[in-house]
């Protein structure tokens, strides 16, 4: 069987799996209601006339609003758009990052068997667009590591899509900038982040605040600072720091993190966020270790990308319940 046939079969199998499991979670409809208000002339609001930023994913909101404007229907529009972006992201991994047919087969098995990754390849949230931007960033970093503007622009778009995604891109971006650090290269980075700066200016003028309202709600929820740090400090940052202190990955390539005990109510509130975040680590981790260490790359280049690719061990864990607004039940 040729490598082309292997790629087509693997990609087709993954596409069928996520289509069969396609669904929309209730959280996604925060973005959809804002998109509906935008399309109907009520602005970027949850309630017409009240300028409150309830969404956390500006780029995904504008993307879904554009397709919703032409379709006039949100349910199947969101599912099909998420499905297409997820398939495209995995296609980039299979065709541009995986170095042989065995990596493609392994990747198809890993992606299709990870319940977290399959669930959030649709879900209606911004995850599929984050996956695609990650794939584009990794391809650019491997093939054109000196193109700072492209790397900065992709990082900027990912940050616009979800602010905490910045930490998945930042270590590699820093390593790309460091060898050519200068006033000019710094200006190039700043230019790449111009869209995010413009959004922040708009957010301050339109909403009165630079970040979404939900951030202030979570920070002011009455949870003790220590517990909040355990739940909300992005694990990507700790894994990046861990990679900086270790000059190689473990043979297993999997790290298990143990947390101090916190109150049950705090864990309940964080369960959805943790599960939602694990699939991004899984996506990076599934191919980067094989792709990078099978290529002739400098130690610095490997460290930069592996710092982004550290995975929490239990990616297969899932909540006991999720909303059942799925494509199969709808049909």
Protein backbone atom coordinates (compact mmCIF):
# COMPACT_ATOMS: atom_id res chain seq x y z
CA UNK A 1 0.00 0.00 0.00
CA UNK A 2 1.40 3.40 -0.99
CA UNK A 3 1.93 6.23 1.48
CA UNK A 4 -0.73 8.26 -0.32
CA UNK A 5 -3.30 5.49 0.14
CA UNK A 6 -2.33 5.15 3.80
CA UNK A 7 -2.83 8.86 4.34
CA UNK A 8 -6.26 8.83 2.66
CA UNK A 9 -7.46 5.81 4.65
CA UNK A 10 -6.14 7.17 7.96
CA UNK A 11 -7.64 10.61 7.37
CA UNK A 12 -10.94 9.10 6.26
CA UNK A 13 -11.12 6.92 9.36
CA UNK A 14 -10.49 9.90 11.63
CA UNK A 15 -13.05 12.02 9.76
CA UNK A 16 -15.72 9.32 10.17
CA UNK A 17 -14.98 8.92 13.88
CA UNK A 18 -15.36 12.60 14.72
CA UNK A 19 -18.42 12.94 12.48
CA UNK A 20 -20.10 10.03 14.26
CA UNK A 21 -19.31 11.65 17.62
CA UNK A 22 -20.10 15.24 16.59
CA UNK A 23 -21.95 17.32 19.16
CA UNK A 24 -22.39 20.86 20.48
CA UNK A 25 -21.88 21.73 24.12
CA UNK A 26 -23.94 24.33 25.95
CA UNK A 27 -20.92 26.62 26.41
CA UNK A 28 -20.66 27.08 22.65
CA UNK A 29 -24.03 28.79 22.51
CA UNK A 30 -22.60 31.77 24.39
CA UNK A 31 -20.57 32.48 21.28
CA UNK A 32 -23.48 31.64 18.98
CA UNK A 33 -25.88 34.03 20.68
CA UNK A 34 -23.32 36.82 20.37
CA UNK A 35 -22.82 35.94 16.70
CA UNK A 36 -26.58 36.02 16.18
CA UNK A 37 -26.81 39.46 17.78
CA UNK A 38 -23.94 40.66 15.61
CA UNK A 39 -25.60 39.40 12.41
CA UNK A 40 -28.91 40.99 13.39
CA UNK A 41 -27.40 44.40 14.12
CA UNK A 42 -27.28 44.28 17.93
CA UNK A 43 -23.48 44.35 18.17
CA UNK A 44 -21.07 42.03 19.96
CA UNK A 45 -23.37 41.55 22.94
CA UNK A 46 -25.14 38.82 24.86
CA UNK A 47 -28.11 41.05 25.67
CA UNK A 48 -28.91 43.74 23.14
CA UNK A 49 -27.81 47.13 24.43
CA UNK A 50 -25.50 45.70 27.12
CA UNK A 51 -21.83 45.82 26.17
CA UNK A 52 -20.50 42.84 28.09
CA UNK A 53 -17.90 40.51 26.56
CA UNK A 54 -19.23 37.08 27.48
CA UNK A 55 -17.24 35.16 24.84
CA UNK A 56 -13.56 34.20 25.15
CA UNK A 57 -12.82 33.38 21.50
CA UNK A 58 -13.02 36.47 19.22
CA UNK A 59 -11.48 34.81 16.16
CA UNK A 60 -13.80 31.80 16.39
CA UNK A 61 -16.78 34.10 16.92
CA UNK A 62 -16.08 36.06 13.74
CA UNK A 63 -15.40 32.82 11.83
CA UNK A 64 -18.66 31.21 12.90
CA UNK A 65 -20.57 34.47 12.36
CA UNK A 66 -19.36 34.64 8.76
CA UNK A 67 -20.61 31.15 7.94
CA UNK A 68 -23.81 31.68 9.95
CA UNK A 69 -24.53 34.84 7.94
CA UNK A 70 -24.69 32.81 4.72
CA UNK A 71 -26.32 29.64 6.07
CA UNK A 72 -28.90 31.19 8.39
CA UNK A 73 -28.63 28.08 10.57
CA UNK A 74 -26.21 27.48 13.43
CA UNK A 75 -26.40 23.82 14.49
CA UNK A 76 -25.23 22.01 11.36
CA UNK A 77 -23.13 25.01 10.32
CA UNK A 78 -21.06 24.83 13.52
CA UNK A 79 -20.71 21.04 13.39
CA UNK A 80 -19.63 20.93 9.76
CA UNK A 81 -17.24 23.86 10.15
CA UNK A 82 -15.64 22.27 13.23
CA UNK A 83 -15.42 18.93 11.45
CA UNK A 84 -13.76 20.47 8.38
CA UNK A 85 -11.20 22.41 10.44
CA UNK A 86 -10.34 19.34 12.50
CA UNK A 87 -9.88 17.17 9.41
CA UNK A 88 -7.70 19.86 7.81
CA UNK A 89 -5.56 20.14 10.95
CA UNK A 90 -4.99 16.39 11.12
CA UNK A 91 -4.30 16.31 7.38
CA UNK A 92 -1.48 18.82 7.92
CA UNK A 93 -0.07 16.62 10.67
CA UNK A 94 -0.23 13.51 8.47
CA UNK A 95 1.13 15.14 5.32
CA UNK A 96 3.59 17.75 6.59
CA UNK A 97 4.76 16.66 10.04
CA UNK A 98 4.62 12.84 10.07
CA UNK A 99 7.76 11.49 8.41
CA UNK A 100 6.53 8.08 7.20
CA UNK A 101 3.43 5.89 6.83
CA UNK A 102 3.94 4.27 10.23
CA UNK A 103 3.67 7.65 11.91
CA UNK A 104 0.46 8.29 9.97
CA UNK A 105 -1.07 4.99 11.11
CA UNK A 106 0.00 5.58 14.71
CA UNK A 107 -1.36 9.10 14.59
CA UNK A 108 -4.71 7.97 13.25
CA UNK A 109 -4.98 5.45 16.06
CA UNK A 110 -4.01 7.96 18.74
CA UNK A 111 -6.31 10.71 17.51
CA UNK A 112 -9.26 8.39 16.97
CA UNK A 113 -8.88 6.60 20.32
CA UNK A 114 -8.50 9.72 22.46
CA UNK A 115 -12.00 10.49 23.70
CA UNK A 116 -10.96 13.98 24.76
CA UNK A 117 -9.56 14.80 21.33
CA UNK A 118 -12.51 13.28 19.45
CA UNK A 119 -15.08 15.08 21.59
CA UNK A 120 -13.46 18.48 21.22
CA UNK A 121 -12.77 18.11 17.54
CA UNK A 122 -16.34 19.33 17.26
CA UNK A 123 -18.21 20.50 20.42
CA UNK A 124 -18.88 23.90 18.83
CA UNK A 125 -16.01 25.53 20.70
CA UNK A 126 -12.87 27.13 19.30
CA UNK A 127 -10.74 23.97 19.65
CA UNK A 128 -10.70 22.91 15.97
CA UNK A 129 -9.41 26.33 14.93
CA UNK A 130 -6.75 26.12 17.64
CA UNK A 131 -5.73 22.68 16.27
CA UNK A 132 -5.39 24.11 12.77
CA UNK A 133 -3.32 27.09 13.93
CA UNK A 134 -1.07 24.75 15.93
CA UNK A 135 -0.50 22.59 12.87
CA UNK A 136 0.30 25.62 10.71
CA UNK A 137 2.65 26.98 13.35
CA UNK A 138 4.53 23.69 13.71
CA UNK A 139 4.86 23.34 9.94
CA UNK A 140 6.21 26.90 9.71
CA UNK A 141 8.61 26.36 12.60
CA UNK A 142 10.04 23.18 11.10
CA UNK A 143 10.32 24.44 7.52
CA UNK A 144 10.84 28.20 7.94
CA UNK A 145 12.06 28.86 11.50
CA UNK A 146 13.51 32.25 10.56
CA UNK A 147 10.21 33.63 9.30
CA UNK A 148 9.39 35.51 12.49
CA UNK A 149 6.48 37.42 11.04
CA UNK A 150 4.62 34.28 10.02
CA UNK A 151 5.29 32.61 13.37
CA UNK A 152 4.22 35.74 15.27
CA UNK A 153 1.08 36.14 13.16
CA UNK A 154 0.01 32.53 13.75
CA UNK A 155 0.67 32.97 17.47
CA UNK A 156 -1.36 36.17 17.41
CA UNK A 157 -4.30 34.48 15.67
CA UNK A 158 -4.20 31.64 18.20
CA UNK A 159 -4.21 34.18 21.02
CA UNK A 160 -7.20 35.89 19.46
CA UNK A 161 -8.87 32.52 19.23
CA UNK A 162 -8.22 31.75 22.88
CA UNK A 163 -5.91 33.88 25.02
CA UNK A 164 -4.47 31.05 27.11
CA UNK A 165 -3.38 29.29 23.90
CA UNK A 166 -0.48 31.77 23.78
CA UNK A 167 1.46 29.52 26.15
CA UNK A 168 1.46 26.68 23.64
CA UNK A 169 3.25 28.86 21.09
CA UNK A 170 5.42 31.12 23.24
CA UNK A 171 8.43 28.81 23.93
CA UNK A 172 8.98 27.98 20.25
CA UNK A 173 8.44 31.61 19.24
CA UNK A 174 11.02 32.73 21.79
CA UNK A 175 13.56 30.19 20.53
CA UNK A 176 12.98 31.31 16.94
CA UNK A 177 13.52 34.95 17.91
CA UNK A 178 16.56 34.49 20.18
CA UNK A 179 19.25 33.60 17.54
CA UNK A 180 18.29 36.62 15.42
CA UNK A 181 17.37 38.97 18.27
CA UNK A 182 17.65 42.60 17.30
CA UNK A 183 15.56 45.72 17.19
CA UNK A 184 14.37 44.79 13.71
CA UNK A 185 13.33 41.23 14.64
CA UNK A 186 11.53 42.55 17.71
CA UNK A 187 9.67 45.02 15.50
CA UNK A 188 8.71 42.13 13.20
CA UNK A 189 7.28 40.24 16.19
CA UNK A 190 5.35 43.32 17.26
CA UNK A 191 3.95 43.70 13.75
CA UNK A 192 2.79 40.10 13.79
CA UNK A 193 0.88 40.77 17.02
CA UNK A 194 -0.78 43.91 15.61
CA UNK A 195 -4.22 42.23 15.15
CA UNK A 196 -4.30 41.28 18.82
CA UNK A 197 -3.29 44.80 19.84
CA UNK A 198 -6.08 46.24 17.68
CA UNK A 199 -8.59 43.86 19.27
CA UNK A 200 -7.48 44.89 22.75
CA UNK A 201 -7.93 48.56 21.85
CA UNK A 202 -11.40 47.80 20.50
CA UNK A 203 -12.26 45.74 23.58
CA UNK A 204 -11.31 48.57 25.92
CA UNK A 205 -13.25 51.14 23.92
CA UNK A 206 -16.32 48.97 23.30
CA UNK A 207 -16.57 46.95 26.51
CA UNK A 208 -14.45 49.01 28.86
CA UNK A 209 -12.21 46.04 29.73
CA UNK A 210 -9.26 44.34 27.97
CA UNK A 211 -10.28 40.73 28.73
CA UNK A 212 -13.63 38.88 28.74
CA UNK A 213 -16.04 39.35 31.61
CA UNK A 214 -15.75 35.66 32.48
CA UNK A 215 -12.12 36.15 33.52
CA UNK A 216 -13.12 38.65 36.18
CA UNK A 217 -15.96 36.39 37.29
CA UNK A 218 -13.62 33.42 37.76
CA UNK A 219 -10.94 35.47 39.49
CA UNK A 220 -13.53 36.93 41.85
CA UNK A 221 -15.33 33.68 42.62
CA UNK A 222 -14.23 33.59 46.26
CA UNK A 223 -11.83 30.67 45.77
CA UNK A 224 -8.69 30.89 47.89
CA UNK A 225 -5.66 32.12 45.87
CA UNK A 226 -3.75 28.86 46.42
CA UNK A 227 -6.60 26.70 45.13
CA UNK A 228 -7.21 29.07 42.23
CA UNK A 229 -3.57 28.84 41.22
CA UNK A 230 -3.72 25.05 41.24
CA UNK A 231 -6.82 25.04 39.07
CA UNK A 232 -6.17 27.95 36.73
CA UNK A 233 -2.42 28.31 36.19
CA UNK A 234 -2.02 26.82 32.70
CA UNK A 235 -0.31 23.47 32.82
CA UNK A 236 1.31 24.27 29.49
CA UNK A 237 3.49 26.86 31.23
CA UNK A 238 4.63 24.39 33.88
CA UNK A 239 5.38 21.78 31.24
CA UNK A 240 7.35 24.28 29.19
CA UNK A 241 9.38 25.24 32.26
CA UNK A 242 9.92 21.56 33.05
CA UNK A 243 11.23 20.95 29.54
CA UNK A 244 13.65 23.85 29.90
CA UNK A 245 15.19 22.24 32.99
CA UNK A 246 15.51 18.78 31.41
CA UNK A 247 17.62 18.28 28.31
CA UNK A 248 15.61 15.34 27.08
CA UNK A 249 12.18 13.78 27.37
CA UNK A 250 11.66 10.64 29.33
CA UNK A 251 11.69 7.40 27.37
CA UNK A 252 7.95 7.05 27.85
CA UNK A 253 7.34 10.66 26.87
CA UNK A 254 4.49 10.97 29.36
CA UNK A 255 4.48 13.02 32.52
CA UNK A 256 2.14 12.44 35.43
CA UNK A 257 1.35 15.47 37.57
CA UNK A 258 0.02 15.09 41.10
CA UNK A 259 -1.81 18.00 42.65
CA UNK A 260 -2.42 18.83 46.31
CA UNK A 261 -6.01 18.20 47.38
CA UNK A 262 -8.53 21.01 46.94
CA UNK A 263 -12.19 21.33 47.79
CA UNK A 264 -14.69 19.22 45.81
CA UNK A 265 -16.55 22.33 44.64
CA UNK A 266 -13.35 23.76 43.17
CA UNK A 267 -12.58 20.54 41.30
CA UNK A 268 -16.13 20.38 39.99
CA UNK A 269 -15.80 23.83 38.50
CA UNK A 270 -12.45 22.97 36.92
CA UNK A 271 -13.39 19.55 35.52
CA UNK A 272 -14.69 20.86 32.23
CA UNK A 273 -11.74 23.20 31.74
CA UNK A 274 -9.14 20.51 32.44
CA UNK A 275 -10.79 18.00 30.11
CA UNK A 276 -11.14 20.65 27.45
CA UNK A 277 -7.47 21.62 27.72
CA UNK A 278 -6.01 18.08 27.73
CA UNK A 279 -6.94 17.45 24.13
CA UNK A 280 -4.70 20.33 23.00
CA UNK A 281 -1.71 18.75 24.74
CA UNK A 282 -2.67 15.42 23.17
CA UNK A 283 -2.76 16.99 19.70
CA UNK A 284 0.72 18.48 20.07
CA UNK A 285 2.18 15.43 21.78
CA UNK A 286 0.87 12.76 19.40
CA UNK A 287 3.25 13.55 16.55
CA UNK A 288 5.85 16.05 17.64
CA UNK A 289 8.08 13.62 19.52
CA UNK A 290 8.32 11.23 16.59
CA UNK A 291 8.45 13.89 13.90
CA UNK A 292 11.12 15.98 15.59
CA UNK A 293 13.45 13.27 16.82
CA UNK A 294 13.37 11.50 13.45
CA UNK A 295 14.55 14.67 11.73
CA UNK A 296 17.96 16.25 11.95
CA UNK A 297 17.25 19.28 14.07
CA UNK A 298 19.41 21.24 16.46
CA UNK A 299 19.06 20.61 20.17
CA UNK A 300 17.62 24.10 20.61
CA UNK A 301 14.98 23.51 17.95
CA UNK A 302 13.98 20.20 19.50
CA UNK A 303 13.80 21.75 22.94
CA UNK A 304 11.64 24.63 21.72
CA UNK A 305 9.00 22.38 20.23
CA UNK A 306 9.11 19.68 22.87
CA UNK A 307 8.58 22.39 25.46
CA UNK A 308 5.26 22.97 23.72
CA UNK A 309 4.49 19.28 23.45
CA UNK A 310 4.44 18.01 27.04
CA UNK A 311 1.30 16.04 27.76
CA UNK A 312 -0.67 15.51 30.93
CA UNK A 313 -0.81 11.74 31.47
CA UNK A 314 -4.50 11.03 31.72
CA UNK A 315 -5.85 12.43 28.48
CA UNK A 316 -8.41 9.68 28.24
CA UNK A 317 -10.30 10.77 31.37
CA UNK A 318 -13.70 12.30 30.72
CA UNK A 319 -16.61 13.64 32.77
CA UNK A 320 -19.41 11.29 33.74
CA UNK A 321 -21.87 13.38 31.76
CA UNK A 322 -21.95 15.64 28.77
CA UNK A 323 -24.88 17.24 26.95
CA UNK A 324 -26.34 14.88 24.36
CA UNK A 325 -26.87 17.44 21.61
CA UNK A 326 -25.07 15.25 19.07
CA UNK A 327 -25.32 14.91 15.34
CA UNK A 328 -26.36 11.25 15.51
CA UNK A 329 -29.21 11.93 17.93
CA UNK A 330 -30.35 14.94 15.92
CA UNK A 331 -30.65 12.86 12.78
